[in-house]
Amino acid sequence: MNFCDPDIEDYLIRECGIDFAGISGMGFINLDESPTNEQLEDADFWLAKATEDPLKYFILRNTRGEYLGGEVVEEDDLIGTRVVGVNHTATIESTGLYENWEFWDKINKHLWKFVFVSSGGLMYYVDKPTSVHSKINNPKNVKSGAFYQTDFKWHDLSNPVILEAPEGLFFGIEPVISSNLLDYTLDFTI
């Protein structure tokens, strides 16, 4: 990393509108995989990967969550204080305690690359080893819903890569996937 000669693209002003927030879907990618940005934006690529054996890509729809940008890590040097990294955390909630306990148990035991998708259709790609910890959140109130609360943690100075999410795969009114395609039975070694 060279801080002396930055090659910076021009900043573009948005004429109108906002980027809608919230995490409405996500995908896990095996650490051994190296998809291109173009592949990640292609629904057919994801659908093909979601049917391979063994599975190395997982698609989750109907999640809720947030990513608040991470916490900077600073160190002192001869000039002063410098940001040397960022500890990132995304927190995502998903349903299906009984149906998904085995899935989350297996996912928790490995590092992953992953994407999360905003309600506005932006895909954030984290091309770094990411630790996953999913736990059951079961509130005291009997009128509340119980769910999995999953924290994704990674260390990187850069933000995730921003891509366009394939319509209908992680979000959207008309899904491009059959309902049973995403019913994962983890009877293999990840």
N, C-alpha and C. Protein backbone atom coordinates (compact mmCIF):
# COMPACT_ATOMS: atom_id res chain seq x y z
N MET A 1 0.85 -1.16 0.00
CA MET A 1 0.00 0.00 0.00
C MET A 1 0.89 1.23 0.00
N ASN A 2 0.62 2.15 -0.92
CA ASN A 2 1.42 3.35 -1.03
C ASN A 2 0.52 4.57 -0.80
N PHE A 3 0.76 5.29 0.28
CA PHE A 3 -0.03 6.47 0.58
C PHE A 3 0.49 7.73 -0.12
N CYS A 4 1.65 7.64 -0.75
CA CYS A 4 2.28 8.84 -1.32
C CYS A 4 1.71 9.22 -2.69
N ASP A 5 1.42 8.27 -3.53
CA ASP A 5 0.94 8.57 -4.88
C ASP A 5 -0.42 7.93 -5.13
N PRO A 6 -1.46 8.50 -4.54
CA PRO A 6 -2.77 7.86 -4.72
C PRO A 6 -3.32 8.07 -6.14
N ASP A 7 -3.89 7.02 -6.69
CA ASP A 7 -4.57 7.09 -7.97
C ASP A 7 -6.06 7.04 -7.65
N ILE A 8 -6.69 8.21 -7.59
CA ILE A 8 -8.06 8.31 -7.11
C ILE A 8 -8.99 8.69 -8.26
N GLU A 9 -10.09 7.93 -8.36
CA GLU A 9 -11.12 8.24 -9.35
C GLU A 9 -11.84 9.53 -8.94
N ASP A 10 -12.45 10.20 -9.92
CA ASP A 10 -13.23 11.40 -9.62
C ASP A 10 -14.43 11.03 -8.76
N TYR A 11 -14.78 11.93 -7.84
CA TYR A 11 -15.97 11.75 -7.01
C TYR A 11 -17.18 12.16 -7.83
N LEU A 12 -18.21 11.33 -7.83
CA LEU A 12 -19.41 11.61 -8.61
C LEU A 12 -20.56 12.02 -7.69
N ILE A 13 -21.21 13.10 -8.03
CA ILE A 13 -22.33 13.58 -7.24
C ILE A 13 -23.61 12.92 -7.74
N ARG A 14 -24.37 12.37 -6.83
CA ARG A 14 -25.66 11.77 -7.18
C ARG A 14 -26.67 12.89 -7.39
N GLU A 15 -27.34 12.86 -8.53
CA GLU A 15 -28.30 13.91 -8.87
C GLU A 15 -29.56 13.84 -8.01
N CYS A 16 -30.05 12.63 -7.74
CA CYS A 16 -31.24 12.50 -6.91
C CYS A 16 -31.32 11.09 -6.35
N GLY A 17 -32.16 10.91 -5.33
CA GLY A 17 -32.36 9.59 -4.75
C GLY A 17 -31.32 9.23 -3.72
N ILE A 18 -31.53 8.07 -3.09
CA ILE A 18 -30.61 7.56 -2.08
C ILE A 18 -30.35 6.09 -2.35
N ASP A 19 -29.32 5.56 -1.71
CA ASP A 19 -29.08 4.12 -1.72
C ASP A 19 -29.82 3.53 -0.52
N PHE A 20 -30.86 2.75 -0.78
CA PHE A 20 -31.64 2.19 0.31
C PHE A 20 -30.81 1.20 1.11
N ALA A 21 -31.03 1.20 2.42
CA ALA A 21 -30.21 0.43 3.35
C ALA A 21 -30.90 -0.87 3.74
N GLY A 22 -30.34 -1.50 4.75
CA GLY A 22 -30.86 -2.76 5.25
C GLY A 22 -30.32 -3.92 4.44
N ILE A 23 -30.07 -5.03 5.10
CA ILE A 23 -29.58 -6.23 4.43
C ILE A 23 -30.75 -7.19 4.25
N SER A 24 -31.12 -7.43 3.00
CA SER A 24 -32.29 -8.27 2.72
C SER A 24 -31.93 -9.66 2.21
N GLY A 25 -30.67 -9.89 1.91
CA GLY A 25 -30.23 -11.20 1.44
C GLY A 25 -28.72 -11.31 1.55
N MET A 26 -28.22 -12.53 1.44
CA MET A 26 -26.77 -12.72 1.53
C MET A 26 -26.36 -14.03 0.89
N GLY A 27 -25.07 -14.15 0.65
CA GLY A 27 -24.53 -15.37 0.09
C GLY A 27 -23.18 -15.70 0.70
N PHE A 28 -22.95 -16.99 0.91
CA PHE A 28 -21.66 -17.48 1.38
C PHE A 28 -20.88 -18.04 0.21
N ILE A 29 -19.57 -17.83 0.23
CA ILE A 29 -18.68 -18.33 -0.81
C ILE A 29 -17.51 -19.04 -0.14
N ASN A 30 -17.24 -20.27 -0.54
CA ASN A 30 -16.11 -21.03 -0.02
C ASN A 30 -14.82 -20.23 -0.24
N LEU A 31 -13.91 -20.28 0.73
CA LEU A 31 -12.65 -19.53 0.65
C LEU A 31 -11.81 -19.90 -0.57
N ASP A 32 -11.94 -21.12 -1.07
CA ASP A 32 -11.15 -21.57 -2.22
C ASP A 32 -11.65 -21.00 -3.54
N GLU A 33 -12.83 -20.41 -3.54
CA GLU A 33 -13.44 -19.87 -4.76
C GLU A 33 -12.98 -18.42 -4.97
N SER A 34 -12.83 -18.03 -6.25
CA SER A 34 -12.43 -16.67 -6.60
C SER A 34 -13.30 -16.15 -7.75
N PRO A 35 -14.57 -15.86 -7.46
CA PRO A 35 -15.45 -15.38 -8.52
C PRO A 35 -15.08 -13.96 -8.93
N THR A 36 -15.34 -13.63 -10.19
CA THR A 36 -15.13 -12.26 -10.66
C THR A 36 -16.34 -11.41 -10.27
N ASN A 37 -16.18 -10.12 -10.34
CA ASN A 37 -17.30 -9.22 -10.06
C ASN A 37 -18.45 -9.47 -11.02
N GLU A 38 -18.13 -9.70 -12.29
CA GLU A 38 -19.16 -9.96 -13.30
C GLU A 38 -19.93 -11.24 -12.97
N GLN A 39 -19.23 -12.27 -12.52
CA GLN A 39 -19.91 -13.51 -12.15
C GLN A 39 -20.86 -13.29 -10.98
N LEU A 40 -20.42 -12.53 -10.00
CA LEU A 40 -21.26 -12.29 -8.82
C LEU A 40 -22.53 -11.51 -9.17
N GLU A 41 -22.50 -10.72 -10.23
CA GLU A 41 -23.66 -9.94 -10.65
C GLU A 41 -24.60 -10.75 -11.55
N ASP A 42 -24.25 -12.00 -11.84
CA ASP A 42 -25.00 -12.84 -12.77
C ASP A 42 -25.81 -13.90 -12.03
N ALA A 43 -27.14 -13.84 -12.14
CA ALA A 43 -28.02 -14.80 -11.46
C ALA A 43 -27.74 -16.23 -11.93
N ASP A 44 -27.47 -16.43 -13.22
CA ASP A 44 -27.20 -17.77 -13.74
C ASP A 44 -25.96 -18.39 -13.10
N PHE A 45 -24.95 -17.56 -12.84
CA PHE A 45 -23.74 -18.05 -12.17
C PHE A 45 -24.09 -18.59 -10.78
N TRP A 46 -24.83 -17.80 -10.01
CA TRP A 46 -25.22 -18.22 -8.66
C TRP A 46 -26.07 -19.47 -8.70
N LEU A 47 -27.02 -19.54 -9.63
CA LEU A 47 -27.90 -20.70 -9.71
C LEU A 47 -27.11 -21.96 -10.07
N ALA A 48 -26.14 -21.83 -10.95
CA ALA A 48 -25.30 -22.98 -11.30
C ALA A 48 -24.48 -23.43 -10.09
N LYS A 49 -23.90 -22.47 -9.38
CA LYS A 49 -23.09 -22.81 -8.21
C LYS A 49 -23.94 -23.41 -7.08
N ALA A 50 -25.19 -22.99 -6.99
CA ALA A 50 -26.08 -23.48 -5.92
C ALA A 50 -26.55 -24.90 -6.15
N THR A 51 -26.23 -25.46 -7.32
CA THR A 51 -26.64 -26.84 -7.61
C THR A 51 -25.44 -27.78 -7.76
N GLU A 52 -24.23 -27.27 -7.63
CA GLU A 52 -23.04 -28.12 -7.73
C GLU A 52 -22.91 -29.00 -6.49
N ASP A 53 -22.16 -30.08 -6.67
CA ASP A 53 -21.89 -30.96 -5.55
C ASP A 53 -20.39 -31.18 -5.47
N PRO A 54 -19.71 -30.85 -4.41
CA PRO A 54 -20.25 -30.32 -3.17
C PRO A 54 -20.58 -28.83 -3.29
N LEU A 55 -21.48 -28.38 -2.45
CA LEU A 55 -21.89 -26.98 -2.45
C LEU A 55 -20.77 -26.10 -1.90
N LYS A 56 -20.46 -25.05 -2.64
CA LYS A 56 -19.47 -24.07 -2.19
C LYS A 56 -20.05 -22.66 -2.15
N TYR A 57 -21.29 -22.52 -2.60
CA TYR A 57 -22.01 -21.24 -2.60
C TYR A 57 -23.38 -21.47 -1.96
N PHE A 58 -23.78 -20.56 -1.08
CA PHE A 58 -25.08 -20.63 -0.44
C PHE A 58 -25.78 -19.29 -0.59
N ILE A 59 -27.07 -19.32 -0.87
CA ILE A 59 -27.89 -18.12 -1.07
C ILE A 59 -28.93 -18.07 0.03
N LEU A 60 -29.01 -16.96 0.73
CA LEU A 60 -30.04 -16.77 1.76
C LEU A 60 -30.87 -15.55 1.42
N ARG A 61 -32.18 -15.74 1.37
CA ARG A 61 -33.12 -14.65 1.11
C ARG A 61 -33.83 -14.29 2.41
N ASN A 62 -34.50 -13.17 2.39
CA ASN A 62 -35.36 -12.75 3.50
C ASN A 62 -34.61 -12.64 4.82
N THR A 63 -33.47 -12.00 4.78
CA THR A 63 -32.73 -11.70 6.01
C THR A 63 -32.96 -10.23 6.35
N ARG A 64 -32.59 -9.86 7.53
CA ARG A 64 -32.60 -8.46 7.95
C ARG A 64 -31.30 -8.20 8.67
N GLY A 65 -30.73 -7.03 8.44
CA GLY A 65 -29.48 -6.75 9.13
C GLY A 65 -28.91 -5.41 8.79
N GLU A 66 -27.69 -5.19 9.30
CA GLU A 66 -27.03 -3.91 9.09
C GLU A 66 -25.52 -4.09 9.04
N TYR A 67 -24.90 -3.15 8.36
CA TYR A 67 -23.44 -3.05 8.31
C TYR A 67 -23.13 -1.57 8.53
N LEU A 68 -22.44 -1.27 9.61
CA LEU A 68 -22.21 0.12 9.99
C LEU A 68 -20.80 0.62 9.67
N GLY A 69 -20.06 -0.12 8.88
CA GLY A 69 -18.80 0.41 8.38
C GLY A 69 -17.54 0.01 9.11
N GLY A 70 -17.63 -0.50 10.29
CA GLY A 70 -16.44 -0.98 10.98
C GLY A 70 -15.81 0.04 11.91
N GLU A 71 -14.86 -0.44 12.67
CA GLU A 71 -14.15 0.37 13.66
C GLU A 71 -12.68 0.46 13.27
N VAL A 72 -12.16 1.68 13.19
CA VAL A 72 -10.78 1.86 12.73
C VAL A 72 -9.78 1.36 13.76
N VAL A 73 -8.65 0.88 13.25
CA VAL A 73 -7.51 0.47 14.06
C VAL A 73 -6.39 1.45 13.76
N GLU A 74 -5.89 2.12 14.79
CA GLU A 74 -4.86 3.15 14.61
C GLU A 74 -3.56 2.73 15.29
N GLU A 75 -2.46 3.22 14.72
CA GLU A 75 -1.14 3.03 15.33
C GLU A 75 -0.38 4.33 15.22
N ASP A 76 0.48 4.57 16.19
CA ASP A 76 1.35 5.75 16.15
C ASP A 76 2.58 5.43 15.32
N ASP A 77 3.01 6.40 14.50
CA ASP A 77 4.27 6.27 13.78
C ASP A 77 5.06 7.56 13.97
N LEU A 78 6.10 7.79 13.20
CA LEU A 78 6.95 8.96 13.38
C LEU A 78 6.24 10.27 13.04
N ILE A 79 5.23 10.22 12.21
CA ILE A 79 4.52 11.43 11.79
C ILE A 79 3.34 11.73 12.72
N GLY A 80 2.73 10.71 13.26
CA GLY A 80 1.55 10.87 14.10
C GLY A 80 0.77 9.58 14.15
N THR A 81 -0.52 9.71 14.21
CA THR A 81 -1.39 8.53 14.25
C THR A 81 -1.88 8.22 12.84
N ARG A 82 -1.87 6.95 12.49
CA ARG A 82 -2.28 6.51 11.16
C ARG A 82 -3.27 5.36 11.29
N VAL A 83 -4.30 5.37 10.43
CA VAL A 83 -5.24 4.26 10.37
C VAL A 83 -4.55 3.13 9.61
N VAL A 84 -4.45 1.96 10.25
CA VAL A 84 -3.76 0.82 9.64
C VAL A 84 -4.71 -0.31 9.28
N GLY A 85 -5.96 -0.17 9.65
CA GLY A 85 -6.92 -1.22 9.33
C GLY A 85 -8.29 -0.88 9.89
N VAL A 86 -9.22 -1.73 9.59
CA VAL A 86 -10.59 -1.58 10.09
C VAL A 86 -11.11 -2.95 10.47
N ASN A 87 -11.68 -3.05 11.66
CA ASN A 87 -12.38 -4.26 12.08
C ASN A 87 -13.85 -4.10 11.71
N HIS A 88 -14.28 -4.86 10.71
CA HIS A 88 -15.64 -4.76 10.18
C HIS A 88 -16.55 -5.78 10.85
N THR A 89 -17.81 -5.40 11.03
CA THR A 89 -18.84 -6.32 11.52
C THR A 89 -20.14 -6.04 10.80
N ALA A 90 -20.75 -7.07 10.28
CA ALA A 90 -22.12 -7.00 9.76
C ALA A 90 -22.95 -7.94 10.62
N THR A 91 -24.13 -7.50 11.01
CA THR A 91 -25.01 -8.32 11.83
C THR A 91 -26.29 -8.57 11.05
N ILE A 92 -26.64 -9.84 10.94
CA ILE A 92 -27.78 -10.24 10.11
C ILE A 92 -28.68 -11.17 10.92
N GLU A 93 -29.99 -10.99 10.74
CA GLU A 93 -30.97 -11.83 11.40
C GLU A 93 -31.68 -12.68 10.36
N SER A 94 -31.95 -13.94 10.73
CA SER A 94 -32.67 -14.84 9.83
C SER A 94 -33.55 -15.76 10.66
N THR A 95 -34.55 -16.32 10.02
CA THR A 95 -35.55 -17.13 10.72
C THR A 95 -35.28 -18.61 10.55
N GLY A 96 -36.15 -19.40 11.16
CA GLY A 96 -36.10 -20.85 10.99
C GLY A 96 -35.18 -21.54 11.98
N LEU A 97 -35.44 -21.37 13.28
CA LEU A 97 -34.56 -21.98 14.28
C LEU A 97 -34.46 -23.49 14.09
N TYR A 98 -35.58 -24.16 14.04
CA TYR A 98 -35.57 -25.62 13.92
C TYR A 98 -35.02 -26.07 12.57
N GLU A 99 -35.47 -25.40 11.50
CA GLU A 99 -35.11 -25.81 10.15
C GLU A 99 -33.63 -25.58 9.83
N ASN A 100 -33.00 -24.61 10.48
CA ASN A 100 -31.67 -24.17 10.07
C ASN A 100 -30.57 -24.36 11.11
N TRP A 101 -30.85 -25.05 12.20
CA TRP A 101 -29.81 -25.18 13.22
C TRP A 101 -28.58 -25.91 12.70
N GLU A 102 -28.77 -26.96 11.90
CA GLU A 102 -27.63 -27.70 11.37
C GLU A 102 -26.84 -26.85 10.37
N PHE A 103 -27.55 -26.08 9.55
CA PHE A 103 -26.89 -25.19 8.60
C PHE A 103 -25.97 -24.22 9.33
N TRP A 104 -26.50 -23.50 10.33
CA TRP A 104 -25.69 -22.52 11.04
C TRP A 104 -24.58 -23.18 11.85
N ASP A 105 -24.81 -24.37 12.36
CA ASP A 105 -23.77 -25.09 13.09
C ASP A 105 -22.57 -25.36 12.18
N LYS A 106 -22.82 -25.77 10.94
CA LYS A 106 -21.73 -26.03 9.98
C LYS A 106 -21.07 -24.72 9.52
N ILE A 107 -21.89 -23.70 9.23
CA ILE A 107 -21.35 -22.43 8.76
C ILE A 107 -20.43 -21.81 9.81
N ASN A 108 -20.80 -21.89 11.10
CA ASN A 108 -20.02 -21.31 12.19
C ASN A 108 -18.60 -21.87 12.28
N LYS A 109 -18.39 -23.06 11.78
CA LYS A 109 -17.11 -23.75 11.98
C LYS A 109 -16.08 -23.46 10.90
N HIS A 110 -16.38 -22.53 9.98
CA HIS A 110 -15.46 -22.27 8.87
C HIS A 110 -15.38 -20.77 8.59
N LEU A 111 -14.29 -20.38 7.93
CA LEU A 111 -14.17 -19.02 7.41
C LEU A 111 -14.79 -18.99 6.02
N TRP A 112 -15.36 -17.85 5.64
CA TRP A 112 -16.05 -17.70 4.36
C TRP A 112 -15.73 -16.36 3.73
N LYS A 113 -15.87 -16.28 2.43
CA LYS A 113 -16.07 -15.01 1.75
C LYS A 113 -17.59 -14.86 1.69
N PHE A 114 -18.10 -13.64 1.59
CA PHE A 114 -19.54 -13.53 1.51
C PHE A 114 -19.98 -12.23 0.85
N VAL A 115 -21.24 -12.21 0.47
CA VAL A 115 -21.88 -11.00 -0.06
C VAL A 115 -23.11 -10.73 0.80
N PHE A 116 -23.42 -9.45 0.97
CA PHE A 116 -24.72 -9.12 1.53
C PHE A 116 -25.35 -8.08 0.63
N VAL A 117 -26.67 -8.14 0.54
CA VAL A 117 -27.42 -7.37 -0.44
C VAL A 117 -28.36 -6.41 0.28
N SER A 118 -28.32 -5.15 -0.13
CA SER A 118 -29.19 -4.15 0.47
C SER A 118 -30.57 -4.19 -0.16
N SER A 119 -31.53 -3.58 0.51
CA SER A 119 -32.90 -3.54 -0.02
C SER A 119 -32.97 -2.73 -1.30
N GLY A 120 -31.96 -1.92 -1.58
CA GLY A 120 -31.91 -1.15 -2.81
C GLY A 120 -31.22 -1.87 -3.95
N GLY A 121 -30.81 -3.13 -3.75
CA GLY A 121 -30.23 -3.92 -4.83
C GLY A 121 -28.72 -3.80 -4.98
N LEU A 122 -28.04 -3.24 -3.98
CA LEU A 122 -26.58 -3.21 -4.03
C LEU A 122 -26.02 -4.44 -3.34
N MET A 123 -25.01 -5.03 -3.95
CA MET A 123 -24.34 -6.20 -3.39
C MET A 123 -22.98 -5.76 -2.86
N TYR A 124 -22.71 -6.05 -1.60
CA TYR A 124 -21.43 -5.75 -0.96
C TYR A 124 -20.65 -7.06 -0.91
N TYR A 125 -19.52 -7.11 -1.60
CA TYR A 125 -18.71 -8.33 -1.67
C TYR A 125 -17.51 -8.21 -0.75
N VAL A 126 -17.38 -9.16 0.17
CA VAL A 126 -16.24 -9.21 1.09
C VAL A 126 -15.36 -10.36 0.63
N ASP A 127 -14.26 -10.01 -0.02
CA ASP A 127 -13.33 -10.98 -0.58
C ASP A 127 -12.18 -11.22 0.40
N LYS A 128 -12.53 -11.40 1.65
CA LYS A 128 -11.57 -11.65 2.73
C LYS A 128 -12.08 -12.79 3.58
N PRO A 129 -11.19 -13.55 4.21
CA PRO A 129 -11.67 -14.56 5.15
C PRO A 129 -12.50 -13.89 6.25
N THR A 130 -13.71 -14.38 6.42
CA THR A 130 -14.66 -13.79 7.35
C THR A 130 -15.10 -14.85 8.35
N SER A 131 -15.00 -14.50 9.64
CA SER A 131 -15.51 -15.43 10.66
C SER A 131 -16.99 -15.18 10.84
N VAL A 132 -17.69 -16.26 11.12
CA VAL A 132 -19.15 -16.22 11.25
C VAL A 132 -19.51 -16.79 12.61
N HIS A 133 -20.34 -16.05 13.34
CA HIS A 133 -20.88 -16.59 14.58
C HIS A 133 -22.38 -16.34 14.61
N SER A 134 -23.12 -17.42 14.50
CA SER A 134 -24.58 -17.34 14.53
C SER A 134 -25.06 -17.88 15.86
N LYS A 135 -25.93 -17.12 16.49
CA LYS A 135 -26.48 -17.55 17.78
C LYS A 135 -27.99 -17.36 17.77
N ILE A 136 -28.66 -18.06 18.64
CA ILE A 136 -30.11 -17.93 18.75
C ILE A 136 -30.43 -16.73 19.62
N ASN A 137 -31.32 -15.88 19.11
CA ASN A 137 -31.82 -14.75 19.87
C ASN A 137 -33.27 -15.07 20.22
N ASN A 138 -33.51 -15.39 21.48
CA ASN A 138 -34.83 -15.79 21.94
C ASN A 138 -35.25 -14.84 23.06
N PRO A 139 -35.94 -13.74 22.73
CA PRO A 139 -36.30 -12.73 23.73
C PRO A 139 -37.26 -13.28 24.79
N LYS A 140 -37.33 -12.55 25.91
CA LYS A 140 -38.18 -12.94 27.04
C LYS A 140 -39.67 -12.81 26.72
N ASN A 141 -40.03 -11.81 25.94
CA ASN A 141 -41.43 -11.54 25.61
C ASN A 141 -42.01 -12.68 24.78
N VAL A 142 -43.11 -13.29 25.26
CA VAL A 142 -43.70 -14.42 24.56
C VAL A 142 -44.38 -14.02 23.25
N LYS A 143 -44.56 -12.74 23.00
CA LYS A 143 -45.14 -12.27 21.75
C LYS A 143 -44.08 -11.93 20.72
N SER A 144 -42.82 -12.03 21.10
CA SER A 144 -41.70 -11.76 20.19
C SER A 144 -41.36 -12.99 19.38
N GLY A 145 -40.68 -12.77 18.28
CA GLY A 145 -40.20 -13.88 17.47
C GLY A 145 -38.76 -14.21 17.82
N ALA A 146 -38.43 -15.48 17.77
CA ALA A 146 -37.05 -15.92 17.96
C ALA A 146 -36.39 -16.04 16.58
N PHE A 147 -35.09 -15.81 16.52
CA PHE A 147 -34.38 -15.82 15.24
C PHE A 147 -32.90 -16.06 15.47
N TYR A 148 -32.19 -16.33 14.38
CA TYR A 148 -30.73 -16.40 14.43
C TYR A 148 -30.18 -15.00 14.25
N GLN A 149 -29.24 -14.63 15.09
CA GLN A 149 -28.51 -13.38 14.95
C GLN A 149 -27.07 -13.76 14.63
N THR A 150 -26.61 -13.33 13.47
CA THR A 150 -25.31 -13.76 12.98
C THR A 150 -24.39 -12.57 12.80
N ASP A 151 -23.20 -12.66 13.39
CA ASP A 151 -22.18 -11.63 13.24
C ASP A 151 -21.11 -12.14 12.28
N PHE A 152 -20.79 -11.30 11.31
CA PHE A 152 -19.73 -11.56 10.35
C PHE A 152 -18.62 -10.57 10.66
N LYS A 153 -17.40 -11.07 10.87
CA LYS A 153 -16.28 -10.21 11.26
C LYS A 153 -15.09 -10.45 10.34
N TRP A 154 -14.50 -9.34 9.87
CA TRP A 154 -13.31 -9.43 9.04
C TRP A 154 -12.48 -8.17 9.26
N HIS A 155 -11.20 -8.26 8.90
CA HIS A 155 -10.28 -7.14 9.07
C HIS A 155 -9.75 -6.73 7.69
N ASP A 156 -9.92 -5.46 7.35
CA ASP A 156 -9.43 -4.96 6.07
C ASP A 156 -9.48 -3.44 6.11
N LEU A 157 -8.50 -2.80 5.49
CA LEU A 157 -8.51 -1.34 5.43
C LEU A 157 -9.57 -0.85 4.44
N SER A 158 -9.90 -1.65 3.45
CA SER A 158 -10.84 -1.25 2.41
C SER A 158 -12.28 -1.62 2.77
N ASN A 159 -13.20 -0.91 2.15
CA ASN A 159 -14.61 -1.25 2.25
C ASN A 159 -14.91 -2.43 1.33
N PRO A 160 -16.06 -3.10 1.52
CA PRO A 160 -16.44 -4.16 0.58
C PRO A 160 -16.60 -3.59 -0.83
N VAL A 161 -16.43 -4.44 -1.83
CA VAL A 161 -16.65 -4.06 -3.23
C VAL A 161 -18.16 -3.90 -3.43
N ILE A 162 -18.59 -2.82 -4.08
CA ILE A 162 -20.01 -2.57 -4.32
C ILE A 162 -20.36 -2.99 -5.74
N LEU A 163 -21.33 -3.90 -5.87
CA LEU A 163 -21.78 -4.43 -7.16
C LEU A 163 -23.30 -4.32 -7.24
N GLU A 164 -23.84 -4.61 -8.42
CA GLU A 164 -25.29 -4.71 -8.55
C GLU A 164 -25.70 -6.14 -8.30
N ALA A 165 -26.67 -6.33 -7.42
CA ALA A 165 -27.15 -7.67 -7.10
C ALA A 165 -28.05 -8.18 -8.21
N PRO A 166 -27.97 -9.47 -8.53
CA PRO A 166 -28.86 -10.02 -9.54
C PRO A 166 -30.31 -9.98 -9.06
N GLU A 167 -31.17 -9.35 -9.83
CA GLU A 167 -32.60 -9.20 -9.49
C GLU A 167 -33.26 -10.56 -9.33
N GLY A 168 -34.05 -10.70 -8.27
CA GLY A 168 -34.81 -11.91 -8.06
C GLY A 168 -34.06 -13.02 -7.35
N LEU A 169 -32.77 -12.86 -7.13
CA LEU A 169 -32.00 -13.92 -6.49
C LEU A 169 -31.95 -13.73 -4.98
N PHE A 170 -31.47 -12.59 -4.54
CA PHE A 170 -31.37 -12.28 -3.12
C PHE A 170 -32.55 -11.44 -2.64
N PHE A 171 -33.26 -10.81 -3.56
CA PHE A 171 -34.36 -9.92 -3.20
C PHE A 171 -35.27 -9.81 -4.42
N GLY A 172 -36.37 -9.15 -4.26
CA GLY A 172 -37.26 -8.91 -5.38
C GLY A 172 -38.59 -9.61 -5.21
N ILE A 173 -39.56 -9.15 -5.96
CA ILE A 173 -40.91 -9.70 -5.86
C ILE A 173 -40.98 -11.08 -6.50
N GLU A 174 -40.38 -11.24 -7.66
CA GLU A 174 -40.43 -12.51 -8.39
C GLU A 174 -39.10 -13.23 -8.26
N PRO A 175 -39.03 -14.27 -7.42
CA PRO A 175 -37.76 -14.99 -7.32
C PRO A 175 -37.47 -15.78 -8.59
N VAL A 176 -36.21 -15.87 -8.95
CA VAL A 176 -35.80 -16.64 -10.12
C VAL A 176 -35.42 -18.07 -9.72
N ILE A 177 -35.65 -18.40 -8.47
CA ILE A 177 -35.25 -19.71 -7.98
C ILE A 177 -36.46 -20.48 -7.49
N SER A 178 -36.39 -21.78 -7.57
CA SER A 178 -37.48 -22.60 -7.03
C SER A 178 -37.35 -22.63 -5.51
N SER A 179 -38.44 -22.88 -4.84
CA SER A 179 -38.44 -22.81 -3.38
C SER A 179 -37.54 -23.86 -2.74
N ASN A 180 -37.41 -25.02 -3.33
CA ASN A 180 -36.61 -26.07 -2.69
C ASN A 180 -35.12 -25.98 -3.04
N LEU A 181 -34.74 -25.12 -3.95
CA LEU A 181 -33.33 -25.00 -4.30
C LEU A 181 -32.50 -24.54 -3.11
N LEU A 182 -33.10 -23.73 -2.26
CA LEU A 182 -32.36 -23.19 -1.12
C LEU A 182 -32.60 -23.96 0.16
N ASP A 183 -33.19 -25.13 0.09
CA ASP A 183 -33.34 -25.99 1.26
C ASP A 183 -32.08 -26.82 1.36
N TYR A 184 -31.12 -26.33 2.15
CA TYR A 184 -29.81 -26.97 2.21
C TYR A 184 -29.81 -28.15 3.17
N THR A 185 -29.33 -29.26 2.71
CA THR A 185 -29.08 -30.41 3.56
C THR A 185 -27.56 -30.58 3.58
N LEU A 186 -26.98 -30.30 4.72
CA LEU A 186 -25.52 -30.30 4.79
C LEU A 186 -25.02 -31.69 5.22
N ASP A 187 -24.99 -32.58 4.26
CA ASP A 187 -24.50 -33.92 4.54
C ASP A 187 -23.13 -34.13 3.91
N PHE A 188 -22.38 -33.07 3.78
CA PHE A 188 -21.05 -33.13 3.20
C PHE A 188 -20.10 -32.35 4.08
N THR A 189 -18.82 -32.51 3.84
CA THR A 189 -17.81 -31.77 4.59
C THR A 189 -17.48 -30.48 3.88
N ILE A 190 -17.65 -29.39 4.59
CA ILE A 190 -17.38 -28.07 4.01
C ILE A 190 -15.90 -27.82 4.04
